[in-house]
């Protein structure tokens, strides 16, 4: 695929994903066309830096590294690669340590709402609680750690 048609395909993917996210109530905005990394692919996803890839064979390690570097550069949140192949659904890929931070933030919010929201059977709705220490599992989950210090405040 030529450079120009690849850029068109990438831009179309960004606009497609923005439409899907907006349909879910997420105030996503496309970045500037053909910005060559000067602006994020998509903005408006609170606490998430979105890297968009629309190709048949995505090198997820390289894409996650790019997303991690750009999340530090733009300071916009946890790095996530949104990717899709032809005739397939969109997927979101992120480092495990970042997913755990996202889960912990959602669970913390859920715990704050205990007593405010009650299930049909009269019991309070709660999450699982707690975080996993990845050092005990022999790794960091593939994340860079460069954005770690900001994780706890991303979703407050």
Foldseek 3Di string as FASTA:
>chain_A
DDPVVLLVQLLVQLVVVCVVVVVVVQNKDADDRPPVLPTQRIDRRFQEGEDEEEEDDDPVLVSQVVQQVSCVVVVRHFGWYWYDYPPDDIDIDHFPLLVQLVVQLVQVVLVVCFVVDADPVRHTDHDDDDGDDCVVVVDDRSHPCPCVVCSNPRRD
